[in-house]
Amino acid sequence: MPLYAQIADELRTKIFMEEWVTGMKIPTEENLCESYHVSRITVRTAIDSLVNEGLVERKRAKGTFVTDWKTEKDEHFTLVRSFTDEMRELGKEIKTIHASISIEKANRKIAKLLNVSPDEKVMVMRRTRATTADEKPFVYFITYFKYRADFPTEDSAYYDSFYELLNRYHIQVNQSKEYIEAILPDKEIQEVLNITEHEPILKRVRITKQL
């Protein structure tokens, strides 16, 4: 991953974890250069990524500020819409053609997002989904969530709606934040979606929680 992308990832995490809240002025390019020991062009490119994603905005002669980026919250505290429901609204029926679940150690970023200690066990679900019309894979999910001993560890348990699975364990997801960016696929995604390294894809990151 290029250095600017690593820094952009660090800055995104600060926004996701609300260390930097809506309306807050983020550190100057000069300060970020000193913090990360990188050039100004590297920092500027990282911030450009966040601007393009709608997470921050530059204000002339004032600085760069965190935007009121997308928050989806159900006023009646019911489930945030699942991907299945979103596709159904577009007239598409989808199915999971491959699912796997694993228990892994959280890296620093995931640990921070899930509010667990680095190297603590987390569960990682990977799913490939396709439309029922042609069954060609078109979306790949990697979902991280806190480890629970009572959660199923069989792959077969994760083929249906994940939100419905959570609901069975009395977990109702009622708030989410997300952003979307265009990227080039890594080798894992190329193999899963059967595309080349030069075909751009949309990466959607959603962070959900129960209030």
N, C-alpha and C. Protein backbone atom coordinates (compact mmCIF):
# COMPACT_ATOMS: atom_id res chain seq x y z
N MET A 1 0.85 -1.19 0.00
CA MET A 1 0.00 0.00 0.00
C MET A 1 0.89 1.24 0.00
N PRO A 2 0.65 2.19 -0.91
CA PRO A 2 1.47 3.41 -0.95
C PRO A 2 1.42 4.15 0.39
N LEU A 3 2.47 4.92 0.66
CA LEU A 3 2.57 5.62 1.94
C LEU A 3 1.40 6.59 2.15
N TYR A 4 1.01 7.30 1.10
CA TYR A 4 -0.09 8.26 1.25
C TYR A 4 -1.38 7.54 1.64
N ALA A 5 -1.58 6.32 1.09
CA ALA A 5 -2.78 5.54 1.39
C ALA A 5 -2.78 5.06 2.83
N GLN A 6 -1.60 4.72 3.35
CA GLN A 6 -1.49 4.31 4.75
C GLN A 6 -1.85 5.47 5.68
N ILE A 7 -1.38 6.66 5.33
CA ILE A 7 -1.69 7.84 6.15
C ILE A 7 -3.17 8.17 6.05
N ALA A 8 -3.73 8.10 4.84
CA ALA A 8 -5.16 8.36 4.67
C ALA A 8 -5.97 7.39 5.52
N ASP A 9 -5.51 6.15 5.60
CA ASP A 9 -6.20 5.14 6.40
C ASP A 9 -6.17 5.51 7.88
N GLU A 10 -5.02 6.00 8.35
CA GLU A 10 -4.90 6.43 9.75
C GLU A 10 -5.85 7.60 10.03
N LEU A 11 -5.92 8.54 9.11
CA LEU A 11 -6.78 9.71 9.31
C LEU A 11 -8.25 9.33 9.28
N ARG A 12 -8.61 8.39 8.40
CA ARG A 12 -9.99 7.91 8.35
C ARG A 12 -10.40 7.31 9.69
N THR A 13 -9.49 6.53 10.26
CA THR A 13 -9.79 5.87 11.53
C THR A 13 -10.08 6.90 12.61
N LYS A 14 -9.34 8.00 12.61
CA LYS A 14 -9.58 9.07 13.60
C LYS A 14 -10.99 9.64 13.43
N ILE A 15 -11.43 9.74 12.18
CA ILE A 15 -12.78 10.25 11.93
C ILE A 15 -13.82 9.21 12.33
N PHE A 16 -13.59 7.96 11.95
CA PHE A 16 -14.54 6.90 12.29
C PHE A 16 -14.70 6.74 13.80
N MET A 17 -13.60 6.88 14.53
CA MET A 17 -13.63 6.70 15.98
C MET A 17 -14.02 7.99 16.70
N GLU A 18 -14.32 9.02 15.91
CA GLU A 18 -14.78 10.31 16.42
C GLU A 18 -13.75 10.99 17.31
N GLU A 19 -12.47 10.70 17.05
CA GLU A 19 -11.41 11.52 17.65
C GLU A 19 -11.45 12.89 16.97
N TRP A 20 -11.78 12.86 15.68
CA TRP A 20 -12.02 14.08 14.91
C TRP A 20 -13.51 14.10 14.58
N VAL A 21 -14.24 15.02 15.15
CA VAL A 21 -15.69 15.05 14.98
C VAL A 21 -16.10 16.09 13.93
N THR A 22 -17.35 16.02 13.52
CA THR A 22 -17.89 16.95 12.52
C THR A 22 -17.62 18.40 12.90
N GLY A 23 -17.07 19.16 11.94
CA GLY A 23 -16.79 20.57 12.17
C GLY A 23 -15.42 20.85 12.74
N MET A 24 -14.72 19.80 13.15
CA MET A 24 -13.40 19.99 13.77
C MET A 24 -12.34 20.26 12.70
N LYS A 25 -11.44 21.19 12.99
CA LYS A 25 -10.33 21.46 12.09
C LYS A 25 -9.24 20.44 12.35
N ILE A 26 -8.79 19.76 11.30
CA ILE A 26 -7.75 18.75 11.47
C ILE A 26 -6.38 19.43 11.48
N PRO A 27 -5.33 18.73 11.92
CA PRO A 27 -3.99 19.33 11.94
C PRO A 27 -3.57 19.82 10.56
N THR A 28 -2.72 20.80 10.53
CA THR A 28 -2.23 21.35 9.27
C THR A 28 -1.35 20.33 8.55
N GLU A 29 -1.15 20.56 7.26
CA GLU A 29 -0.27 19.68 6.49
C GLU A 29 1.12 19.64 7.11
N GLU A 30 1.58 20.80 7.56
CA GLU A 30 2.91 20.87 8.18
C GLU A 30 2.98 20.00 9.44
N ASN A 31 1.94 20.08 10.27
CA ASN A 31 1.92 19.27 11.49
C ASN A 31 1.85 17.79 11.18
N LEU A 32 1.07 17.42 10.17
CA LEU A 32 0.97 16.02 9.80
C LEU A 32 2.28 15.51 9.21
N CYS A 33 2.98 16.36 8.48
CA CYS A 33 4.30 15.99 7.95
C CYS A 33 5.24 15.64 9.09
N GLU A 34 5.22 16.45 10.14
CA GLU A 34 6.08 16.22 11.30
C GLU A 34 5.67 14.96 12.05
N SER A 35 4.37 14.73 12.17
CA SER A 35 3.87 13.57 12.90
C SER A 35 4.21 12.26 12.20
N TYR A 36 4.10 12.24 10.88
CA TYR A 36 4.30 11.01 10.12
C TYR A 36 5.68 10.92 9.46
N HIS A 37 6.47 12.00 9.58
CA HIS A 37 7.82 12.03 9.01
C HIS A 37 7.80 11.75 7.50
N VAL A 38 6.92 12.46 6.82
CA VAL A 38 6.80 12.30 5.37
C VAL A 38 6.78 13.68 4.72
N SER A 39 6.82 13.67 3.39
CA SER A 39 6.83 14.93 2.64
C SER A 39 5.45 15.56 2.59
N ARG A 40 5.43 16.82 2.24
CA ARG A 40 4.16 17.55 2.16
C ARG A 40 3.27 16.99 1.06
N ILE A 41 3.87 16.57 -0.06
CA ILE A 41 3.07 16.05 -1.17
C ILE A 41 2.38 14.75 -0.76
N THR A 42 3.05 13.95 0.10
CA THR A 42 2.45 12.70 0.57
C THR A 42 1.24 13.00 1.44
N VAL A 43 1.38 13.95 2.36
CA VAL A 43 0.26 14.34 3.23
C VAL A 43 -0.87 14.94 2.41
N ARG A 44 -0.52 15.78 1.45
CA ARG A 44 -1.55 16.43 0.64
C ARG A 44 -2.35 15.40 -0.16
N THR A 45 -1.65 14.40 -0.70
CA THR A 45 -2.33 13.35 -1.46
C THR A 45 -3.26 12.54 -0.55
N ALA A 46 -2.82 12.29 0.68
CA ALA A 46 -3.66 11.56 1.64
C ALA A 46 -4.93 12.35 1.95
N ILE A 47 -4.76 13.64 2.17
CA ILE A 47 -5.93 14.49 2.47
C ILE A 47 -6.84 14.60 1.25
N ASP A 48 -6.25 14.65 0.06
CA ASP A 48 -7.06 14.68 -1.16
C ASP A 48 -7.99 13.47 -1.22
N SER A 49 -7.49 12.32 -0.78
CA SER A 49 -8.32 11.11 -0.78
C SER A 49 -9.54 11.30 0.11
N LEU A 50 -9.32 11.90 1.29
CA LEU A 50 -10.43 12.11 2.22
C LEU A 50 -11.41 13.16 1.69
N VAL A 51 -10.87 14.17 1.00
CA VAL A 51 -11.74 15.18 0.38
C VAL A 51 -12.63 14.53 -0.67
N ASN A 52 -12.03 13.68 -1.51
CA ASN A 52 -12.79 13.01 -2.56
C ASN A 52 -13.85 12.08 -2.00
N GLU A 53 -13.60 11.55 -0.81
CA GLU A 53 -14.56 10.64 -0.17
C GLU A 53 -15.63 11.40 0.61
N GLY A 54 -15.47 12.72 0.70
CA GLY A 54 -16.46 13.53 1.41
C GLY A 54 -16.31 13.51 2.91
N LEU A 55 -15.15 13.08 3.40
CA LEU A 55 -14.93 13.02 4.86
C LEU A 55 -14.43 14.35 5.41
N VAL A 56 -13.68 15.09 4.61
CA VAL A 56 -13.18 16.40 5.03
C VAL A 56 -13.36 17.39 3.89
N GLU A 57 -13.31 18.68 4.22
CA GLU A 57 -13.39 19.71 3.19
C GLU A 57 -12.40 20.82 3.51
N ARG A 58 -11.81 21.37 2.45
CA ARG A 58 -10.88 22.48 2.62
C ARG A 58 -11.65 23.80 2.54
N LYS A 59 -11.32 24.71 3.45
CA LYS A 59 -11.91 26.05 3.43
C LYS A 59 -10.78 27.05 3.26
N ARG A 60 -10.89 27.85 2.21
CA ARG A 60 -9.83 28.79 1.87
C ARG A 60 -9.47 29.68 3.06
N ALA A 61 -8.18 29.74 3.34
CA ALA A 61 -7.61 30.59 4.39
C ALA A 61 -8.02 30.18 5.81
N LYS A 62 -8.70 29.04 5.92
CA LYS A 62 -9.13 28.59 7.25
C LYS A 62 -8.54 27.24 7.63
N GLY A 63 -8.46 26.32 6.67
CA GLY A 63 -7.93 25.01 6.97
C GLY A 63 -8.82 23.90 6.43
N THR A 64 -8.61 22.69 6.94
CA THR A 64 -9.36 21.52 6.51
C THR A 64 -10.20 21.02 7.67
N PHE A 65 -11.48 20.76 7.40
CA PHE A 65 -12.43 20.43 8.46
C PHE A 65 -13.16 19.12 8.17
N VAL A 66 -13.54 18.42 9.24
CA VAL A 66 -14.32 17.19 9.11
C VAL A 66 -15.75 17.55 8.72
N THR A 67 -16.27 16.87 7.71
CA THR A 67 -17.62 17.15 7.23
C THR A 67 -18.66 16.39 8.07
N ASP A 68 -19.91 16.71 7.81
CA ASP A 68 -21.01 15.95 8.41
C ASP A 68 -21.28 14.78 7.49
N TRP A 69 -20.33 13.83 7.51
CA TRP A 69 -20.39 12.73 6.55
C TRP A 69 -21.52 11.77 6.90
N LYS A 70 -21.82 10.90 5.95
CA LYS A 70 -23.05 10.12 6.01
C LYS A 70 -23.19 9.28 7.27
N THR A 71 -24.30 9.47 7.94
CA THR A 71 -24.68 8.62 9.07
C THR A 71 -26.08 8.11 8.81
N GLU A 72 -26.25 6.81 8.86
CA GLU A 72 -27.57 6.22 8.68
C GLU A 72 -28.04 5.72 10.03
N LYS A 73 -29.08 6.34 10.55
CA LYS A 73 -29.59 5.97 11.87
C LYS A 73 -31.10 5.83 11.80
N ASP A 74 -31.59 4.73 12.30
CA ASP A 74 -33.03 4.50 12.31
C ASP A 74 -33.63 5.15 13.54
N GLU A 75 -34.58 6.05 13.33
CA GLU A 75 -35.16 6.80 14.44
C GLU A 75 -35.92 5.90 15.42
N HIS A 76 -36.35 4.74 14.94
CA HIS A 76 -37.11 3.85 15.81
C HIS A 76 -36.23 2.72 16.33
N PHE A 77 -34.92 2.84 16.12
CA PHE A 77 -33.96 1.87 16.64
C PHE A 77 -34.24 0.46 16.14
N THR A 78 -34.52 0.36 14.85
CA THR A 78 -34.63 -0.95 14.23
C THR A 78 -33.39 -1.17 13.39
N LEU A 79 -33.35 -2.27 12.67
CA LEU A 79 -32.15 -2.60 11.94
C LEU A 79 -31.84 -1.62 10.82
N VAL A 80 -30.56 -1.26 10.68
CA VAL A 80 -30.10 -0.54 9.51
C VAL A 80 -30.27 -1.48 8.32
N ARG A 81 -30.59 -0.95 7.16
CA ARG A 81 -30.85 -1.79 6.00
C ARG A 81 -29.66 -2.66 5.64
N SER A 82 -29.95 -3.90 5.33
CA SER A 82 -28.91 -4.82 4.90
C SER A 82 -28.66 -4.64 3.41
N PHE A 83 -27.56 -5.20 2.92
CA PHE A 83 -27.24 -5.14 1.50
C PHE A 83 -28.32 -5.86 0.70
N THR A 84 -28.83 -6.96 1.24
CA THR A 84 -29.90 -7.70 0.56
C THR A 84 -31.11 -6.81 0.34
N ASP A 85 -31.49 -6.06 1.37
CA ASP A 85 -32.64 -5.16 1.25
C ASP A 85 -32.37 -4.04 0.25
N GLU A 86 -31.15 -3.51 0.27
CA GLU A 86 -30.79 -2.44 -0.67
C GLU A 86 -30.92 -2.92 -2.11
N MET A 87 -30.42 -4.12 -2.38
CA MET A 87 -30.49 -4.67 -3.73
C MET A 87 -31.93 -4.98 -4.13
N ARG A 88 -32.71 -5.44 -3.16
CA ARG A 88 -34.12 -5.75 -3.44
C ARG A 88 -34.88 -4.49 -3.86
N GLU A 89 -34.52 -3.36 -3.24
CA GLU A 89 -35.16 -2.10 -3.61
C GLU A 89 -34.82 -1.70 -5.04
N LEU A 90 -33.69 -2.21 -5.54
CA LEU A 90 -33.29 -1.93 -6.92
C LEU A 90 -33.80 -2.99 -7.88
N GLY A 91 -34.61 -3.92 -7.36
CA GLY A 91 -35.18 -4.95 -8.20
C GLY A 91 -34.26 -6.12 -8.45
N LYS A 92 -33.23 -6.28 -7.62
CA LYS A 92 -32.27 -7.38 -7.79
C LYS A 92 -32.35 -8.33 -6.60
N GLU A 93 -32.42 -9.61 -6.89
CA GLU A 93 -32.35 -10.62 -5.84
C GLU A 93 -30.93 -11.19 -5.83
N ILE A 94 -30.34 -11.29 -4.65
CA ILE A 94 -28.97 -11.77 -4.57
C ILE A 94 -28.88 -13.00 -3.69
N LYS A 95 -27.77 -13.71 -3.84
CA LYS A 95 -27.53 -14.89 -3.02
C LYS A 95 -26.05 -14.96 -2.68
N THR A 96 -25.73 -15.63 -1.60
CA THR A 96 -24.34 -15.85 -1.21
C THR A 96 -23.88 -17.14 -1.87
N ILE A 97 -22.81 -17.06 -2.65
CA ILE A 97 -22.31 -18.26 -3.33
C ILE A 97 -21.09 -18.85 -2.62
N HIS A 98 -20.52 -18.08 -1.71
CA HIS A 98 -19.43 -18.62 -0.88
C HIS A 98 -19.36 -17.82 0.41
N ALA A 99 -19.18 -18.53 1.52
CA ALA A 99 -19.04 -17.87 2.82
C ALA A 99 -18.04 -18.63 3.67
N SER A 100 -17.26 -17.89 4.43
CA SER A 100 -16.32 -18.52 5.37
C SER A 100 -16.23 -17.67 6.62
N ILE A 101 -15.93 -18.30 7.73
CA ILE A 101 -15.75 -17.60 8.99
C ILE A 101 -14.43 -18.05 9.60
N SER A 102 -13.69 -17.12 10.14
CA SER A 102 -12.41 -17.46 10.77
C SER A 102 -12.22 -16.62 12.02
N ILE A 103 -11.35 -17.08 12.88
CA ILE A 103 -10.99 -16.34 14.09
C ILE A 103 -9.55 -15.90 13.93
N GLU A 104 -9.33 -14.58 13.97
CA GLU A 104 -8.00 -14.02 13.72
C GLU A 104 -7.64 -13.01 14.80
N LYS A 105 -6.38 -12.62 14.81
CA LYS A 105 -5.94 -11.58 15.74
C LYS A 105 -6.18 -10.21 15.12
N ALA A 106 -6.71 -9.30 15.89
CA ALA A 106 -7.00 -7.96 15.39
C ALA A 106 -5.71 -7.18 15.18
N ASN A 107 -5.59 -6.55 14.00
CA ASN A 107 -4.46 -5.64 13.81
C ASN A 107 -4.80 -4.32 14.50
N ARG A 108 -3.88 -3.40 14.45
CA ARG A 108 -4.05 -2.15 15.20
C ARG A 108 -5.30 -1.38 14.76
N LYS A 109 -5.53 -1.31 13.47
CA LYS A 109 -6.68 -0.56 12.96
C LYS A 109 -8.00 -1.22 13.37
N ILE A 110 -8.11 -2.52 13.15
CA ILE A 110 -9.34 -3.24 13.49
C ILE A 110 -9.59 -3.20 14.99
N ALA A 111 -8.52 -3.33 15.77
CA ALA A 111 -8.66 -3.28 17.23
C ALA A 111 -9.25 -1.95 17.66
N LYS A 112 -8.79 -0.89 17.03
CA LYS A 112 -9.28 0.44 17.41
C LYS A 112 -10.75 0.61 17.02
N LEU A 113 -11.10 0.14 15.83
CA LEU A 113 -12.48 0.28 15.37
C LEU A 113 -13.46 -0.56 16.19
N LEU A 114 -13.01 -1.72 16.65
CA LEU A 114 -13.89 -2.60 17.42
C LEU A 114 -13.74 -2.40 18.93
N ASN A 115 -12.85 -1.48 19.30
CA ASN A 115 -12.63 -1.19 20.72
C ASN A 115 -12.19 -2.44 21.49
N VAL A 116 -11.20 -3.13 20.91
CA VAL A 116 -10.59 -4.28 21.58
C VAL A 116 -9.08 -4.06 21.61
N SER A 117 -8.38 -4.93 22.31
CA SER A 117 -6.92 -4.81 22.39
C SER A 117 -6.28 -5.37 21.13
N PRO A 118 -5.15 -4.79 20.69
CA PRO A 118 -4.42 -5.36 19.56
C PRO A 118 -4.08 -6.82 19.84
N ASP A 119 -4.20 -7.65 18.82
CA ASP A 119 -3.96 -9.09 18.90
C ASP A 119 -5.06 -9.86 19.62
N GLU A 120 -6.11 -9.16 20.08
CA GLU A 120 -7.26 -9.87 20.65
C GLU A 120 -8.00 -10.60 19.53
N LYS A 121 -8.65 -11.70 19.87
CA LYS A 121 -9.36 -12.48 18.87
C LYS A 121 -10.59 -11.72 18.35
N VAL A 122 -10.74 -11.73 17.03
CA VAL A 122 -11.95 -11.20 16.40
C VAL A 122 -12.42 -12.22 15.37
N MET A 123 -13.67 -12.10 14.98
CA MET A 123 -14.21 -13.00 13.97
C MET A 123 -14.22 -12.28 12.63
N VAL A 124 -13.86 -13.00 11.58
CA VAL A 124 -13.78 -12.41 10.24
C VAL A 124 -14.63 -13.26 9.29
N MET A 125 -15.63 -12.63 8.73
CA MET A 125 -16.51 -13.30 7.77
C MET A 125 -16.19 -12.81 6.37
N ARG A 126 -15.99 -13.74 5.45
CA ARG A 126 -15.76 -13.41 4.05
C ARG A 126 -16.87 -14.03 3.22
N ARG A 127 -17.51 -13.21 2.39
CA ARG A 127 -18.62 -13.71 1.59
C ARG A 127 -18.56 -13.16 0.17
N THR A 128 -18.86 -14.03 -0.77
CA THR A 128 -18.98 -13.63 -2.17
C THR A 128 -20.45 -13.73 -2.54
N ARG A 129 -20.97 -12.67 -3.15
CA ARG A 129 -22.40 -12.64 -3.46
C ARG A 129 -22.63 -12.37 -4.94
N ALA A 130 -23.74 -12.89 -5.42
CA ALA A 130 -24.08 -12.78 -6.84
C ALA A 130 -25.58 -12.57 -6.98
N THR A 131 -25.99 -12.12 -8.16
CA THR A 131 -27.43 -12.02 -8.41
C THR A 131 -27.96 -13.41 -8.72
N THR A 132 -29.20 -13.65 -8.38
CA THR A 132 -29.78 -14.97 -8.66
C THR A 132 -29.98 -15.18 -10.15
N ALA A 133 -29.97 -14.09 -10.92
CA ALA A 133 -30.21 -14.18 -12.37
C ALA A 133 -29.08 -14.91 -13.09
N ASP A 134 -27.82 -14.58 -12.75
CA ASP A 134 -26.71 -15.20 -13.47
C ASP A 134 -25.69 -15.88 -12.57
N GLU A 135 -25.77 -15.64 -11.26
CA GLU A 135 -24.88 -16.24 -10.27
C GLU A 135 -23.40 -15.91 -10.52
N LYS A 136 -23.15 -14.79 -11.20
CA LYS A 136 -21.77 -14.35 -11.38
C LYS A 136 -21.40 -13.44 -10.21
N PRO A 137 -20.27 -13.70 -9.55
CA PRO A 137 -19.89 -12.88 -8.39
C PRO A 137 -19.71 -11.42 -8.76
N PHE A 138 -20.29 -10.53 -7.97
CA PHE A 138 -20.12 -9.11 -8.26
C PHE A 138 -19.79 -8.29 -7.01
N VAL A 139 -19.85 -8.89 -5.83
CA VAL A 139 -19.48 -8.16 -4.62
C VAL A 139 -18.83 -9.11 -3.63
N TYR A 140 -17.82 -8.61 -2.94
CA TYR A 140 -17.06 -9.41 -1.98
C TYR A 140 -17.05 -8.67 -0.65
N PHE A 141 -17.49 -9.33 0.39
CA PHE A 141 -17.56 -8.74 1.73
C PHE A 141 -16.47 -9.31 2.63
N ILE A 142 -15.83 -8.43 3.39
CA ILE A 142 -14.98 -8.86 4.50
C ILE A 142 -15.50 -8.12 5.72
N THR A 143 -16.02 -8.86 6.68
CA THR A 143 -16.68 -8.27 7.85
C THR A 143 -15.96 -8.69 9.12
N TYR A 144 -15.58 -7.70 9.92
CA TYR A 144 -14.91 -7.95 11.20
C TYR A 144 -15.89 -7.67 12.33
N PHE A 145 -15.95 -8.55 13.31
CA PHE A 145 -16.77 -8.29 14.49
C PHE A 145 -16.16 -8.96 15.71
N LYS A 146 -16.56 -8.48 16.87
CA LYS A 146 -15.98 -8.97 18.12
C LYS A 146 -16.23 -10.47 18.28
N TYR A 147 -15.23 -11.13 18.83
CA TYR A 147 -15.34 -12.57 19.07
C TYR A 147 -16.35 -12.85 20.17
N ARG A 148 -17.21 -13.83 19.92
CA ARG A 148 -18.12 -14.32 20.94
C ARG A 148 -18.11 -15.84 20.89
N ALA A 149 -17.93 -16.47 22.04
CA ALA A 149 -17.82 -17.92 22.08
C ALA A 149 -19.10 -18.61 21.63
N ASP A 150 -20.24 -17.90 21.74
CA ASP A 150 -21.51 -18.52 21.37
C ASP A 150 -21.88 -18.31 19.90
N PHE A 151 -21.07 -17.55 19.16
CA PHE A 151 -21.34 -17.39 17.73
C PHE A 151 -20.95 -18.67 16.99
N PRO A 152 -21.69 -19.02 15.94
CA PRO A 152 -21.35 -20.23 15.19
C PRO A 152 -19.99 -20.10 14.49
N THR A 153 -19.30 -21.21 14.38
CA THR A 153 -17.99 -21.21 13.71
C THR A 153 -18.03 -22.06 12.44
N GLU A 154 -19.23 -22.49 12.05
CA GLU A 154 -19.39 -23.24 10.81
C GLU A 154 -19.67 -22.27 9.67
N ASP A 155 -18.99 -22.45 8.56
CA ASP A 155 -19.20 -21.58 7.40
C ASP A 155 -20.66 -21.54 6.97
N SER A 156 -21.34 -22.66 7.08
CA SER A 156 -22.72 -22.76 6.60
C SER A 156 -23.68 -21.80 7.31
N ALA A 157 -23.30 -21.34 8.51
CA ALA A 157 -24.18 -20.44 9.27
C ALA A 157 -24.18 -19.02 8.73
N TYR A 158 -23.27 -18.72 7.78
CA TYR A 158 -23.11 -17.34 7.33
C TYR A 158 -23.53 -17.12 5.88
N TYR A 159 -24.33 -18.02 5.35
CA TYR A 159 -24.80 -17.85 3.97
C TYR A 159 -26.03 -16.95 3.89
N ASP A 160 -26.81 -16.88 4.95
CA ASP A 160 -28.01 -16.05 4.94
C ASP A 160 -27.70 -14.66 5.49
N SER A 161 -28.72 -13.85 5.70
CA SER A 161 -28.54 -12.47 6.16
C SER A 161 -27.77 -12.41 7.48
N PHE A 162 -26.69 -11.65 7.48
CA PHE A 162 -25.88 -11.51 8.70
C PHE A 162 -26.64 -10.72 9.76
N TYR A 163 -27.39 -9.71 9.34
CA TYR A 163 -28.16 -8.91 10.30
C TYR A 163 -29.21 -9.77 10.99
N GLU A 164 -29.80 -10.70 10.26
CA GLU A 164 -30.77 -11.60 10.88
C GLU A 164 -30.09 -12.53 11.88
N LEU A 165 -28.88 -12.94 11.56
CA LEU A 165 -28.11 -13.76 12.50
C LEU A 165 -27.84 -12.98 13.78
N LEU A 166 -27.42 -11.73 13.63
CA LEU A 166 -27.17 -10.90 14.81
C LEU A 166 -28.44 -10.73 15.64
N ASN A 167 -29.55 -10.57 14.95
CA ASN A 167 -30.82 -10.37 15.64
C ASN A 167 -31.18 -11.58 16.51
N ARG A 168 -30.80 -12.76 16.06
CA ARG A 168 -31.07 -13.96 16.85
C ARG A 168 -30.28 -13.97 18.15
N TYR A 169 -29.20 -13.20 18.16
CA TYR A 169 -28.39 -13.08 19.38
C TYR A 169 -28.70 -11.76 20.11
N HIS A 170 -29.87 -11.19 19.77
CA HIS A 170 -30.35 -9.97 20.42
C HIS A 170 -29.42 -8.77 20.20
N ILE A 171 -28.81 -8.74 19.02
CA ILE A 171 -27.98 -7.60 18.62
C ILE A 171 -28.69 -6.90 17.48
N GLN A 172 -29.10 -5.66 17.70
CA GLN A 172 -29.76 -4.88 16.66
C GLN A 172 -28.87 -3.72 16.24
N VAL A 173 -28.44 -3.78 15.00
CA VAL A 173 -27.60 -2.71 14.46
C VAL A 173 -28.50 -1.56 14.06
N ASN A 174 -28.34 -0.41 14.71
CA ASN A 174 -29.23 0.71 14.41
C ASN A 174 -28.50 2.00 14.08
N GLN A 175 -27.19 1.93 13.88
CA GLN A 175 -26.46 3.09 13.38
C GLN A 175 -25.30 2.64 12.53
N SER A 176 -25.08 3.32 11.44
CA SER A 176 -23.93 3.00 10.59
C SER A 176 -23.35 4.27 9.99
N LYS A 177 -22.06 4.23 9.74
CA LYS A 177 -21.37 5.28 9.00
C LYS A 177 -20.61 4.60 7.88
N GLU A 178 -20.51 5.26 6.75
CA GLU A 178 -19.84 4.62 5.64
C GLU A 178 -19.24 5.63 4.67
N TYR A 179 -18.32 5.13 3.86
CA TYR A 179 -17.78 5.93 2.76
C TYR A 179 -17.49 4.99 1.61
N ILE A 180 -17.40 5.55 0.42
CA ILE A 180 -17.14 4.78 -0.79
C ILE A 180 -16.00 5.43 -1.55
N GLU A 181 -15.08 4.60 -2.05
CA GLU A 181 -13.98 5.12 -2.86
C GLU A 181 -13.69 4.16 -4.01
N ALA A 182 -13.12 4.68 -5.07
CA ALA A 182 -12.71 3.85 -6.21
C ALA A 182 -11.27 3.40 -5.99
N ILE A 183 -11.03 2.11 -6.16
CA ILE A 183 -9.68 1.57 -5.98
C ILE A 183 -9.41 0.54 -7.07
N LEU A 184 -8.14 0.12 -7.16
CA LEU A 184 -7.79 -1.01 -8.00
C LEU A 184 -7.75 -2.26 -7.12
N PRO A 185 -8.22 -3.39 -7.61
CA PRO A 185 -8.34 -4.59 -6.77
C PRO A 185 -7.00 -5.23 -6.44
N ASP A 186 -6.89 -5.77 -5.22
CA ASP A 186 -5.70 -6.55 -4.88
C ASP A 186 -5.89 -7.96 -5.42
N LYS A 187 -4.89 -8.82 -5.21
CA LYS A 187 -4.93 -10.17 -5.79
C LYS A 187 -6.11 -10.98 -5.27
N GLU A 188 -6.40 -10.84 -3.98
CA GLU A 188 -7.52 -11.58 -3.40
C GLU A 188 -8.83 -11.24 -4.10
N ILE A 189 -9.08 -9.95 -4.30
CA ILE A 189 -10.32 -9.52 -4.94
C ILE A 189 -10.34 -9.91 -6.42
N GLN A 190 -9.19 -9.83 -7.08
CA GLN A 190 -9.12 -10.23 -8.48
C GLN A 190 -9.56 -11.67 -8.66
N GLU A 191 -9.08 -12.54 -7.77
CA GLU A 191 -9.42 -13.96 -7.87
C GLU A 191 -10.89 -14.21 -7.56
N VAL A 192 -11.41 -13.55 -6.54
CA VAL A 192 -12.80 -13.77 -6.13
C VAL A 192 -13.78 -13.28 -7.19
N LEU A 193 -13.53 -12.09 -7.72
CA LEU A 193 -14.47 -11.48 -8.67
C LEU A 193 -14.11 -11.77 -10.13
N ASN A 194 -13.00 -12.49 -10.32
CA ASN A 194 -12.56 -12.85 -11.67
C ASN A 194 -12.37 -11.62 -12.56
N ILE A 195 -11.57 -10.68 -12.06
CA ILE A 195 -11.27 -9.46 -12.80
C ILE A 195 -9.76 -9.27 -12.84
N THR A 196 -9.31 -8.31 -13.65
CA THR A 196 -7.88 -8.05 -13.76
C THR A 196 -7.46 -6.94 -12.80
N GLU A 197 -6.17 -6.79 -12.63
CA GLU A 197 -5.65 -5.77 -11.72
C GLU A 197 -5.91 -4.35 -12.21
N HIS A 198 -6.26 -4.21 -13.49
CA HIS A 198 -6.47 -2.88 -14.06
C HIS A 198 -7.95 -2.45 -14.07
N GLU A 199 -8.83 -3.32 -13.60
CA GLU A 199 -10.26 -2.99 -13.58
C GLU A 199 -10.62 -2.32 -12.26
N PRO A 200 -10.99 -1.04 -12.27
CA PRO A 200 -11.33 -0.35 -11.02
C PRO A 200 -12.62 -0.90 -10.41
N ILE A 201 -12.68 -0.85 -9.10
CA ILE A 201 -13.88 -1.30 -8.38
C ILE A 201 -14.25 -0.24 -7.35
N LEU A 202 -15.45 -0.35 -6.81
CA LEU A 202 -15.87 0.52 -5.72
C LEU A 202 -15.69 -0.21 -4.40
N LYS A 203 -14.99 0.43 -3.49
CA LYS A 203 -14.79 -0.11 -2.15
C LYS A 203 -15.73 0.65 -1.20
N ARG A 204 -16.56 -0.10 -0.51
CA ARG A 204 -17.51 0.50 0.42
C ARG A 204 -17.16 0.05 1.84
N VAL A 205 -16.90 0.99 2.69
CA VAL A 205 -16.57 0.69 4.08
C VAL A 205 -17.73 1.14 4.96
N ARG A 206 -18.28 0.22 5.71
CA ARG A 206 -19.40 0.55 6.61
C ARG A 206 -19.04 0.12 8.03
N ILE A 207 -19.22 1.03 8.95
CA ILE A 207 -18.98 0.75 10.37
C ILE A 207 -20.32 0.84 11.08
N THR A 208 -20.72 -0.25 11.70
CA THR A 208 -22.04 -0.29 12.33
C THR A 208 -21.91 -0.52 13.83
N LYS A 209 -22.95 -0.12 14.54
CA LYS A 209 -22.96 -0.36 15.98
C LYS A 209 -24.39 -0.37 16.49
N GLN A 210 -24.52 -0.84 17.71
CA GLN A 210 -25.81 -0.87 18.39
C GLN A 210 -25.82 0.21 19.45
N LEU A 211 -26.80 1.12 19.38
CA LEU A 211 -26.88 2.20 20.36
C LEU A 211 -27.56 1.72 21.63
